[in-house]
Protein backbone atom coordinates (compact mmCIF):
# COMPACT_ATOMS: atom_id res chain seq x y z
CA MET A 1 -9.74 33.69 -15.87
CA VAL A 2 -12.13 33.88 -12.79
CA SER A 3 -14.09 30.68 -11.56
CA SER A 4 -17.03 31.26 -9.50
CA VAL A 5 -18.62 27.92 -9.47
CA PRO A 6 -20.54 27.64 -6.15
CA ARG A 7 -18.80 24.93 -4.08
CA LEU A 8 -18.80 23.25 -0.60
CA VAL A 9 -16.22 21.11 1.19
CA ILE A 10 -17.77 18.26 3.16
CA ALA A 11 -15.61 17.58 6.27
CA ALA A 12 -15.52 15.89 9.64
CA PRO A 13 -13.70 15.75 12.93
CA SER A 14 -12.49 12.20 11.87
CA SER A 15 -12.73 9.44 9.68
CA GLY A 16 -15.92 7.25 10.17
CA SER A 17 -18.03 10.46 10.85
CA GLY A 18 -20.14 9.92 7.66
CA LYS A 19 -18.54 12.25 5.11
CA THR A 20 -18.94 9.77 2.17
CA THR A 21 -22.73 9.25 3.04
CA VAL A 22 -23.33 13.04 3.35
CA ALA A 23 -21.15 14.10 0.34
CA THR A 24 -22.66 11.36 -2.07
CA GLY A 25 -26.08 11.78 -0.97
CA LEU A 26 -25.92 15.59 -1.30
CA MET A 27 -24.38 15.30 -4.80
CA ALA A 28 -27.05 12.76 -5.82
CA ALA A 29 -29.92 14.90 -4.29
CA LEU A 30 -28.74 18.06 -6.01
CA SER A 31 -28.38 16.18 -9.25
CA ALA A 32 -31.86 14.99 -9.00
CA ARG A 33 -33.06 18.61 -8.59
CA GLY A 34 -31.68 19.56 -11.94
CA PHE A 35 -28.02 20.81 -10.88
CA ALA A 36 -25.10 19.91 -12.95
CA VAL A 37 -22.75 18.75 -9.88
CA SER A 38 -19.03 18.59 -10.02
CA PRO A 39 -17.67 15.83 -7.73
CA HIS A 40 -14.34 16.02 -6.12
CA LYS A 41 -12.44 14.09 -3.40
CA VAL A 42 -9.58 15.29 -1.29
CA GLY A 43 -6.57 12.96 -1.19
CA PRO A 44 -5.53 9.88 -3.17
CA ASP A 45 -8.69 7.82 -2.65
CA TYR A 46 -9.83 6.02 -5.63
CA ILE A 47 -13.04 4.32 -4.50
CA ASP A 48 -15.01 7.21 -3.31
CA PRO A 49 -15.04 9.13 -6.68
CA GLY A 50 -16.68 6.07 -8.10
CA TYR A 51 -19.86 6.65 -5.72
CA HIS A 52 -19.53 10.33 -6.69
CA ALA A 53 -19.62 9.60 -10.40
CA LEU A 54 -22.68 7.40 -9.87
CA ALA A 55 -24.38 10.15 -8.06
CA THR A 56 -23.76 12.96 -10.47
CA GLY A 57 -23.18 11.22 -13.90
CA ARG A 58 -19.83 13.06 -14.00
CA THR A 59 -16.31 11.97 -13.63
CA GLY A 60 -15.14 11.82 -9.99
CA ARG A 61 -11.91 13.93 -9.63
CA ASN A 62 -9.24 14.05 -6.95
CA LEU A 63 -7.61 17.07 -5.26
CA ASP A 64 -4.34 16.17 -3.66
CA ALA A 65 -1.98 18.79 -2.59
CA TYR A 66 0.87 16.22 -1.72
CA LEU A 67 0.75 14.41 -5.09
CA CYS A 68 0.18 17.39 -7.37
CA GLY A 69 1.36 20.44 -5.37
CA PRO A 70 -0.94 22.93 -3.53
CA GLU A 71 -0.48 25.29 -6.74
CA LEU A 72 -2.53 22.71 -8.86
CA VAL A 73 -5.45 22.23 -6.40
CA ALA A 74 -7.34 25.23 -7.85
CA PRO A 75 -6.53 24.73 -11.50
CA LEU A 76 -7.56 21.05 -11.35
CA PHE A 77 -10.64 21.99 -9.54
CA ALA A 78 -11.52 24.50 -12.16
CA HIS A 79 -10.83 21.98 -14.88
CA GLY A 80 -13.27 19.47 -13.44
CA ALA A 81 -16.00 21.98 -12.38
CA GLY A 82 -16.07 23.88 -15.64
CA GLY A 83 -19.69 24.23 -16.89
CA CYS A 84 -21.18 22.96 -13.67
CA ASP A 85 -23.79 24.66 -11.32
CA ILE A 86 -22.36 23.58 -8.14
CA ALA A 87 -19.19 21.62 -6.81
CA VAL A 88 -19.12 19.25 -3.81
CA VAL A 89 -15.69 18.31 -2.40
CA GLU A 90 -15.62 15.39 -0.02
CA GLY A 91 -12.71 15.69 2.50
CA VAL A 92 -10.34 13.04 3.94
CA MET A 93 -9.80 11.99 7.26
CA GLY A 94 -10.33 14.78 10.04
CA LEU A 95 -10.48 18.33 8.61
CA TYR A 96 -6.90 19.16 9.85
CA ASP A 97 -5.33 15.86 9.11
CA GLY A 98 -2.74 15.77 6.39
CA ALA A 99 0.50 14.17 5.25
CA ALA A 100 2.37 12.84 8.25
CA GLY A 101 5.04 15.37 9.56
CA GLU A 102 3.95 17.81 6.85
CA GLY A 103 1.75 20.31 8.91
CA GLU A 104 -1.47 21.01 7.00
CA LEU A 105 -0.13 19.83 3.55
CA ALA A 106 -2.75 17.68 1.88
CA SER A 107 -5.30 18.24 4.45
CA THR A 108 -9.04 19.04 3.83
CA ALA A 109 -8.44 22.53 5.53
CA GLN A 110 -5.64 23.32 3.06
CA VAL A 111 -7.73 22.34 0.08
CA ALA A 112 -10.76 24.42 1.46
CA LYS A 113 -8.48 27.51 1.66
CA SER A 114 -6.93 26.91 -1.61
CA LEU A 115 -10.64 26.79 -3.03
CA ARG A 116 -11.84 29.69 -0.95
CA ALA A 117 -14.77 27.40 -0.11
CA PRO A 118 -16.89 27.21 2.93
CA VAL A 119 -16.82 23.77 4.93
CA VAL A 120 -19.65 21.88 6.32
CA LEU A 121 -18.68 19.77 9.34
CA VAL A 122 -20.31 16.30 9.47
CA VAL A 123 -20.47 15.34 13.32
CA ASP A 124 -21.05 11.83 14.45
CA ALA A 125 -23.23 12.70 17.26
CA SER A 126 -24.10 9.11 18.34
CA SER A 127 -22.26 9.18 21.75
CA GLN A 128 -22.73 12.75 22.84
CA SER A 129 -24.99 15.71 23.57
CA ARG A 130 -23.74 19.00 25.04
CA SER A 131 -20.01 18.00 24.32
CA VAL A 132 -20.76 18.63 20.73
CA ALA A 133 -20.51 22.40 21.25
CA ALA A 134 -17.06 21.99 22.59
CA LEU A 135 -16.06 19.77 19.57
CA VAL A 136 -17.50 22.11 17.02
CA HIS A 137 -16.10 25.28 18.63
CA GLY A 138 -12.49 23.67 18.51
CA PHE A 139 -12.78 23.01 14.96
CA VAL A 140 -14.22 26.45 14.02
CA SER A 141 -11.56 28.32 15.98
CA TRP A 142 -8.48 26.25 15.18
CA ASP A 143 -7.60 27.95 11.84
CA PRO A 144 -9.27 31.32 11.36
CA GLN A 145 -8.70 31.00 7.61
CA VAL A 146 -10.98 27.88 7.42
CA ARG A 147 -14.57 29.11 7.28
CA VAL A 148 -17.00 26.58 8.86
CA GLY A 149 -20.41 27.58 7.51
CA GLY A 150 -22.46 24.86 9.11
CA VAL A 151 -22.74 21.48 10.62
CA ILE A 152 -24.68 18.33 9.72
CA LEU A 153 -25.45 16.03 12.76
CA ASN A 154 -25.05 12.39 11.94
CA LYS A 155 -26.40 9.30 13.59
CA VAL A 156 -28.77 11.29 15.79
CA ALA A 157 -30.96 8.76 17.89
CA SER A 158 -34.18 10.53 18.60
CA ASP A 159 -35.94 13.98 18.61
CA ARG A 160 -34.90 14.39 22.17
CA HIS A 161 -31.29 13.76 21.29
CA GLU A 162 -31.65 16.26 18.29
CA GLY A 163 -33.05 18.78 20.65
CA LEU A 164 -30.06 18.50 23.09
CA LEU A 165 -27.59 18.81 20.37
CA ARG A 166 -29.34 21.93 18.73
CA GLU A 167 -29.41 23.52 22.06
CA ALA A 168 -25.73 23.01 22.73
CA LEU A 169 -24.83 24.29 19.36
CA GLU A 170 -26.67 27.60 19.72
CA SER A 171 -23.91 29.02 21.71
CA VAL A 172 -21.15 28.18 19.06
CA GLY A 173 -23.04 30.34 16.30
CA VAL A 174 -22.62 27.71 13.66
CA PRO A 175 -25.72 26.90 11.91
CA VAL A 176 -27.05 23.17 11.86
CA LEU A 177 -27.79 22.52 8.28
CA GLY A 178 -28.85 19.09 8.62
CA VAL A 179 -29.78 16.20 11.03
CA LEU A 180 -29.47 12.37 9.84
CA ARG A 181 -30.83 9.55 11.77
CA ARG A 182 -29.14 6.23 11.75
CA ALA A 183 -29.99 4.24 8.62
CA ALA A 184 -28.40 0.90 7.76
CA GLN A 185 -29.61 0.93 4.26
CA VAL A 186 -27.08 3.68 3.36
CA GLU A 187 -24.09 1.74 4.75
CA THR A 188 -21.75 0.60 2.30
CA PRO A 189 -19.71 -2.61 2.61
CA SER A 190 -15.96 -2.50 3.29
CA ARG A 191 -12.95 -4.88 3.02
CA HIS A 192 -9.28 -4.81 3.43
CA LEU A 193 -8.72 -1.59 1.60
CA GLY A 194 -11.86 0.29 2.44
CA LEU A 195 -15.12 0.63 0.66
CA VAL A 196 -16.00 -2.00 -2.07
CA PRO A 197 -15.76 -0.08 -5.34
CA VAL A 198 -18.92 0.68 -7.39
CA ALA A 199 -17.91 -1.43 -10.35
CA GLU A 200 -18.10 -4.55 -8.19
CA ARG A 201 -21.62 -3.65 -6.65
CA GLY A 202 -23.80 -2.91 -9.77
CA SER A 203 -27.36 -2.23 -9.01
CA VAL A 204 -26.59 -2.69 -5.21
CA ALA A 205 -24.65 0.43 -5.39
CA VAL A 206 -27.23 2.37 -7.33
CA GLU A 207 -29.72 1.57 -4.54
CA ALA A 208 -27.07 2.69 -1.90
CA VAL A 209 -26.48 6.05 -3.47
CA SER A 210 -30.34 6.51 -3.96
CA ALA A 211 -30.80 5.83 -0.36
CA MET A 212 -28.04 8.36 0.59
CA ALA A 213 -29.84 10.83 -1.62
CA ALA A 214 -33.11 10.28 0.07
CA GLN A 215 -31.62 10.58 3.54
CA VAL A 216 -29.76 13.90 2.88
CA ALA A 217 -32.74 15.24 0.95
CA ALA A 218 -35.05 14.41 3.76
CA GLY A 219 -32.58 15.42 6.68
CA CYS A 220 -30.75 18.43 5.32
CA ASP A 221 -31.72 22.07 4.28
CA LEU A 222 -30.73 21.78 0.62
CA SER A 223 -31.54 25.49 -0.04
CA ALA A 224 -29.28 26.65 2.84
CA LEU A 225 -26.37 24.38 1.54
CA VAL A 226 -26.86 25.87 -1.78
CA ALA A 227 -26.81 29.37 -0.52
CA LEU A 228 -23.65 28.66 1.48
CA ALA A 229 -22.01 27.08 -1.66
CA ARG A 230 -22.78 30.32 -3.49
CA SER A 231 -20.82 32.28 -0.87
CA ALA A 232 -17.51 30.79 -1.95
CA GLY A 233 -14.99 33.34 -3.07
CA ALA A 234 -13.90 33.66 -6.76
CA LEU A 235 -10.86 31.72 -7.91
CA THR A 236 -8.44 33.55 -10.21
CA GLY A 237 -6.29 31.84 -12.69
CA ALA A 238 -6.52 29.47 -15.57
CA ALA A 239 -8.15 26.02 -15.25
CA TRP A 240 -5.81 23.07 -15.80
CA ASP A 241 -5.63 21.75 -19.47
CA ALA A 242 -3.99 18.62 -20.42
CA GLY A 243 -2.72 20.11 -23.98
CA GLU A 244 -1.28 23.13 -22.35
CA ALA A 245 0.31 21.24 -19.49
CA LEU A 246 2.07 19.05 -22.13
CA VAL A 247 3.42 22.12 -23.96
CA SER A 248 4.70 23.83 -20.89
CA SER A 249 6.33 20.38 -19.63
CA PRO A 250 9.97 19.71 -20.65
CA PRO A 251 10.17 17.42 -23.77
CA PRO A 252 11.19 13.79 -23.26
CA PRO A 253 14.71 12.66 -23.83
CA LEU A 254 15.45 11.04 -27.05
CA PRO A 255 14.20 7.37 -27.27
CA PHE A 256 16.57 4.83 -26.07
CA PRO A 257 16.85 1.26 -27.58
CA SER A 258 15.29 -1.37 -25.12
CA PRO A 259 17.27 -4.58 -24.55
CA GLY A 260 15.63 -7.33 -26.45
CA ALA A 261 13.04 -5.10 -28.00
CA ALA A 262 11.65 -5.94 -31.46
CA PRO A 263 12.29 -3.44 -34.28
CA PRO A 264 9.38 -1.15 -34.99
CA ASP A 265 6.66 -2.41 -37.16
CA PRO A 266 5.73 0.03 -39.89
CA HIS A 267 2.51 -1.91 -40.64
CA ARG A 268 1.16 -1.67 -37.01
CA PRO A 269 -2.31 -0.46 -37.12
CA CYS A 270 -3.08 2.90 -35.74
CA GLY A 271 -6.29 4.80 -34.68
CA PRO A 272 -7.41 8.17 -35.98
CA ARG A 273 -5.08 11.09 -35.52
CA PRO A 274 -6.20 13.05 -32.48
CA GLN A 275 -6.38 16.84 -32.07
CA THR A 276 -3.19 17.95 -30.38
CA PRO A 277 -2.19 21.42 -29.16
CA ASP A 278 0.32 23.58 -31.31
CA GLY A 279 3.99 23.05 -30.32
CA LEU A 280 3.60 19.54 -29.14
CA GLU A 281 6.26 17.55 -30.87
CA GLY A 282 5.84 14.08 -32.15
CA ALA A 283 2.08 14.35 -32.65
CA GLY A 284 1.92 13.29 -36.33
CA ARG A 285 0.86 9.93 -35.65
CA ALA A 286 -1.64 8.52 -33.15
CA VAL A 287 -0.85 5.41 -31.28
CA ARG A 288 -3.17 3.10 -29.47
CA VAL A 289 -2.72 2.86 -25.69
CA ALA A 290 -4.64 0.03 -23.99
CA VAL A 291 -5.83 0.90 -20.32
CA ALA A 292 -6.98 -1.93 -18.12
CA GLY A 293 -10.36 -1.51 -16.55
CA GLY A 294 -13.27 -3.51 -15.39
CA SER A 295 -13.86 -4.64 -11.80
CA ALA A 296 -10.39 -5.85 -11.06
CA PHE A 297 -8.60 -2.48 -12.15
CA THR A 298 -10.89 0.51 -11.02
CA PHE A 299 -8.17 2.71 -9.63
CA SER A 300 -7.20 5.57 -12.15
CA TYR A 301 -7.09 9.34 -12.25
CA ALA A 302 -9.06 10.77 -15.00
CA GLU A 303 -6.38 13.33 -15.91
CA HIS A 304 -4.02 10.29 -16.98
CA ALA A 305 -6.19 9.33 -19.95
CA GLU A 306 -6.68 13.04 -20.67
CA LEU A 307 -2.90 13.54 -20.84
CA LEU A 308 -2.34 10.38 -22.99
CA SER A 309 -4.87 11.66 -25.40
CA ALA A 310 -3.40 15.06 -25.53
CA ALA A 311 -0.05 13.61 -26.17
CA GLY A 312 -1.22 11.93 -29.22
CA ALA A 313 -2.55 8.55 -28.13
CA GLU A 314 -5.98 6.83 -28.70
CA VAL A 315 -6.88 5.56 -25.45
CA VAL A 316 -8.92 2.21 -25.50
CA THR A 317 -10.06 0.59 -22.22
CA PHE A 318 -10.34 -3.27 -21.99
CA ASP A 319 -11.32 -5.59 -19.33
CA PRO A 320 -8.67 -8.22 -18.20
CA LEU A 321 -11.67 -10.33 -16.67
CA ARG A 322 -13.37 -10.73 -19.87
CA ASP A 323 -11.44 -9.64 -22.83
CA GLU A 324 -9.18 -12.52 -24.29
CA GLU A 325 -6.96 -10.31 -26.39
CA LEU A 326 -5.66 -6.73 -26.23
CA PRO A 327 -7.29 -4.10 -28.38
CA GLU A 328 -6.14 -4.39 -32.03
CA GLY A 329 -3.15 -2.26 -32.68
CA THR A 330 -2.08 -1.92 -29.10
CA ALA A 331 1.30 0.00 -28.95
CA GLY A 332 1.29 0.65 -25.18
CA LEU A 333 -0.30 -0.70 -22.14
CA VAL A 334 -1.31 0.90 -18.84
CA VAL A 335 -2.36 -1.23 -15.92
CA GLY A 336 -3.37 0.80 -12.95
CA GLY A 337 -4.69 -0.04 -9.31
CA GLY A 338 -7.48 -2.13 -8.11
CA PHE A 339 -8.08 -5.52 -6.67
CA PRO A 340 -6.48 -8.31 -8.52
CA GLU A 341 -6.17 -10.29 -5.50
CA VAL A 342 -10.02 -10.49 -5.27
CA TYR A 343 -10.06 -11.67 -8.76
CA ALA A 344 -6.95 -13.65 -8.94
CA ALA A 345 -8.69 -16.90 -10.05
CA GLU A 346 -10.58 -15.17 -12.88
CA LEU A 347 -7.47 -13.33 -14.08
CA SER A 348 -5.46 -16.38 -14.05
CA ALA A 349 -8.03 -18.36 -15.91
CA ASN A 350 -7.78 -15.85 -18.74
CA GLU A 351 -4.80 -17.55 -20.15
CA ALA A 352 -5.21 -16.10 -23.72
CA LEU A 353 -4.84 -12.34 -22.41
CA ARG A 354 -2.07 -13.37 -20.00
CA LYS A 355 -0.08 -14.40 -22.81
CA ALA A 356 -0.96 -11.47 -25.05
CA VAL A 357 0.34 -9.16 -22.25
CA ALA A 358 3.51 -11.11 -21.83
CA GLU A 359 4.18 -11.05 -25.55
CA LEU A 360 3.55 -7.26 -25.72
CA ALA A 361 5.99 -6.76 -22.94
CA LEU A 362 8.66 -8.93 -24.42
CA SER A 363 8.34 -6.94 -27.61
CA GLY A 364 9.82 -4.02 -25.81
CA ALA A 365 6.44 -1.97 -25.93
CA PRO A 366 5.92 0.49 -23.09
CA VAL A 367 3.95 -0.95 -20.20
CA ALA A 368 3.14 1.09 -17.15
CA ALA A 369 1.95 -0.87 -14.21
CA GLU A 370 1.03 0.48 -10.61
CA CYS A 371 0.18 -1.63 -7.53
CA ALA A 372 -2.60 -3.91 -9.01
CA GLY A 373 -0.87 -3.85 -12.44
CA LEU A 374 2.41 -4.84 -10.59
CA LEU A 375 0.77 -7.89 -9.09
CA TYR A 376 -0.81 -8.76 -12.51
CA LEU A 377 2.52 -8.70 -14.43
CA CYS A 378 4.24 -11.08 -11.70
CA ARG A 379 4.79 -14.69 -12.20
CA GLU A 380 2.01 -15.55 -9.69
CA LEU A 381 -0.35 -14.04 -7.34
CA ASP A 382 -1.39 -16.30 -4.33
CA GLY A 383 -0.14 -19.27 -6.09
CA LEU A 384 -2.17 -18.69 -9.29
CA PRO A 385 -0.34 -17.96 -12.50
CA MET A 386 -0.40 -14.31 -13.76
CA CYS A 387 1.33 -12.85 -16.79
CA GLY A 388 4.80 -13.78 -15.96
CA VAL A 389 6.36 -10.51 -17.33
CA LEU A 390 8.32 -10.07 -14.04
CA ASP A 391 10.22 -12.85 -12.29
CA ALA A 392 8.52 -12.21 -8.90
CA SER A 393 5.94 -13.69 -6.75
CA ALA A 394 3.07 -11.89 -5.01
CA ARG A 395 0.87 -12.76 -2.14
CA MET A 396 -1.79 -11.39 0.43
CA SER A 397 -0.16 -10.13 3.61
CA GLU A 398 -1.62 -9.25 7.08
CA ARG A 399 0.18 -5.96 6.99
CA LEU A 400 -1.28 -2.68 5.47
CA THR A 401 1.36 -0.55 3.72
CA LEU A 402 -0.16 2.89 3.50
CA GLY A 403 1.21 6.44 3.07
CA TYR A 404 2.50 9.22 0.97
CA ARG A 405 6.03 8.67 -0.76
CA ASP A 406 8.69 11.03 -1.89
CA ALA A 407 10.40 9.08 -4.79
CA VAL A 408 13.06 9.55 -7.39
CA ALA A 409 13.25 7.41 -10.62
CA VAL A 410 16.38 5.37 -10.38
CA SER A 411 16.26 3.82 -13.77
CA ASP A 412 15.53 5.15 -17.19
CA SER A 413 12.26 3.85 -18.40
CA ALA A 414 9.47 4.31 -20.88
CA LEU A 415 7.68 6.48 -18.13
CA ALA A 416 10.40 8.36 -16.47
CA GLY A 417 13.95 9.44 -17.09
CA ALA A 418 16.39 8.62 -14.29
CA GLY A 419 16.48 11.29 -11.73
CA THR A 420 12.82 12.23 -12.19
CA ARG A 421 11.31 13.07 -8.94
CA MET A 422 7.67 12.39 -8.14
CA ARG A 423 5.58 12.10 -5.11
CA GLY A 424 3.29 9.13 -4.89
CA HIS A 425 1.14 6.99 -2.55
CA GLU A 426 1.21 3.51 -1.48
CA PHE A 427 -1.92 1.44 -0.28
CA HIS A 428 -1.76 -2.23 -0.32
CA ARG A 429 -2.13 -5.60 1.64
CA THR A 430 0.16 -7.60 -0.52
CA VAL A 431 3.84 -8.43 -0.76
CA VAL A 432 5.91 -8.72 -4.01
CA GLU A 433 9.19 -10.90 -3.66
CA PRO A 434 11.69 -9.65 -4.53
CA ARG A 435 10.78 -6.04 -3.72
CA ALA A 436 12.95 -4.66 -6.72
CA GLY A 437 14.36 -5.92 -9.73
CA GLU A 438 17.89 -5.49 -11.12
CA GLU A 439 16.90 -2.04 -12.27
CA PRO A 440 14.55 -0.61 -9.75
CA ALA A 441 11.64 1.62 -10.66
CA TRP A 442 11.96 4.15 -7.73
CA GLY A 443 14.20 5.15 -4.93
CA MET A 444 12.08 6.23 -1.98
CA ARG A 445 13.45 9.34 -0.30
CA ALA A 446 10.80 9.52 2.52
CA PRO A 447 9.54 8.21 4.84
CA GLU A 448 12.28 5.38 4.52
CA ARG A 449 15.16 5.13 2.12
CA ARG A 450 14.76 2.06 -0.04
CA VAL A 451 14.34 0.97 -3.74
CA GLU A 452 11.22 -0.66 -5.21
CA GLY A 453 9.72 -1.82 -8.37
CA PHE A 454 10.98 -3.27 -11.74
CA VAL A 455 12.16 -1.66 -15.09
CA GLN A 456 12.91 -4.06 -17.84
CA ARG A 457 12.57 -3.58 -21.53
CA GLY A 458 9.71 -1.17 -21.92
CA VAL A 459 8.07 -2.18 -18.45
CA HIS A 460 7.81 0.14 -15.55
CA ALA A 461 6.01 -1.57 -12.68
CA SER A 462 5.75 -0.34 -9.08
CA TYR A 463 3.57 -0.20 -6.15
CA LEU A 464 3.62 3.56 -6.18
CA HIS A 465 0.45 5.27 -7.27
CA THR A 466 1.46 8.67 -8.95
CA HIS A 467 -0.69 11.60 -10.37
CA TRP A 468 0.58 12.57 -13.84
CA ALA A 469 -0.71 16.07 -13.61
CA SER A 470 2.23 16.82 -11.30
CA GLU A 471 4.66 15.76 -14.08
CA PRO A 472 2.88 15.73 -17.35
CA GLY A 473 6.17 14.80 -19.21
CA VAL A 474 5.62 11.27 -18.12
CA ALA A 475 2.63 10.98 -20.38
CA ARG A 476 4.48 12.57 -23.28
CA ARG A 477 7.41 10.38 -22.81
CA PHE A 478 5.32 7.37 -22.51
CA VAL A 479 3.49 8.21 -25.84
CA GLU A 480 6.95 8.79 -27.61
CA ARG A 481 8.01 5.47 -26.57
CA CYS A 482 4.84 3.91 -27.99
CA ARG A 483 5.76 5.48 -31.44
CA THR A 484 9.45 4.30 -31.28
CA SER A 485 9.27 0.99 -29.78
C-alpha cells in the first residue's frame, strides 16, 4: 500500500515559538477552504490534539516514536490520514529535541523523516533581526535528512522589522512562507500542566481557533504551504488497523480468578455484538466498557477505544462530573488522564457515582486507571472524598513529574500480565501516598528504578500513561477479563 497524502510538519527551534498557533491556525484555515485536514501531534501531548480536532472536525492523533516505536509512526499516520486531502503535523519542543539521553528518538525531526515530510520552521522573531539567518541556517544544516522547506516568522513587530528579517534570510535560501504579527487574541491560557483543554473552554476555545485561522490565513501563503505539502515523498506499507493489530498480537493468558471477585452474572446486560476480525478469539459476546470523559478526564488516545471495539467491546463514554451512575451493563471501566484536581469538589460531590465505581471495582470487574484515574480511585484528593477504591491519599504538589518511562508489569492484572514491558509517560503535579500498593502495577526501569501503582482485584491504577497501539494485547486482555469477571 502506498500513502501519498500531502503533509507538512510544523516545527520550531524551541518551545514557546508559536507551533500550536501556526499548526492549529493552518488546520482551521485549510479546513475553511474545503480541505479535509488530518491533524497530528508529535509526542505524548493530549491537549493540543483537542484544539486540532476543533480546527478540523476530525480526531487529533498522536505520533510518538518512544511510546509506540519508530516503526509505527508511518502506519499510525496513514491510519489517521486515510481519505484526507492534506495532513498537518505539529511538532514537540525544538525540532531536534527528543527523549532524554536517546539521541533523536521521539523528536520532531525523527517523525518528519519517518513520514518523508517537509518541515516548516516557526521562528519567534520578537528579539532578533539579522541573527535569524544564523539560527535558521543551523537548523537547516544540522541533519541533511530533514528537509526544511520554509520558515514562518512569528511575533514580528513592524513592517521594518519584517524587512530586516526577510533580507537576512535571503542568504539562507529557505523561503519565508508567512509572517505573523503579535496578536493577543490568539493566545490560549495555561496552567500547571500547559494549555487549558478545549473541553473546559467551550465557546472561548472556538473563538481562539477562529482567531488563529484568521491570522494564519492573512499572514501566510496558503498556496505555497499546500504546494510544499504535496512535495512529500510517498509512504509504503500498510496503514495501522486495530483489528489486524489484535490478530497479530499474542493472545492473552487464560483468565485468573481475582481475590474477592463476585461470580460472573449470566444475566448481565450486554450491547450489540460488534464486528470483529476473523481469527480474534473470544469475540462471541460484546461487553460494555465505560470510558470516563467530560472536562475532568480529557486525556485519551483514540486508538485505545478503537482497540477495545475491535476486541469486542461496546465502548460507552460517561461524564463523572454529571452522570450519577455508570452506563447500564458496564462490565469494565477505563478512567484516563485529565484534571481531577481542578474538579475535585464536583467529583467529590457526585457521591452516587463514586459509590457505583467503588462497587464495580469491589465486584472484581476490570478497571484501568491512568494518572487522573488513579487520583479518582484514591480515598481522597486534597482532603476531599473520592471513590475509595484504593487505600491511598492524593494531593497537589509543587513538583512537576515529567518524562518518558521504561516500565515492566510487576503484577498480573486485568490489563497486563507480569513481565509485560511497555514504555510510558508521566506528567503530573500531584503525589499519591503510598506510591505503590502491596501488588505494584509497574516497575520502572528508566530513568530510575522504582515500583509504582496498584493492582488489586480487577483494578490496575498507575500514574503511567501508555499507548496501547504499542502492545495491542492489553486491550484484548482487558476485554477478555470483562467477559470472565
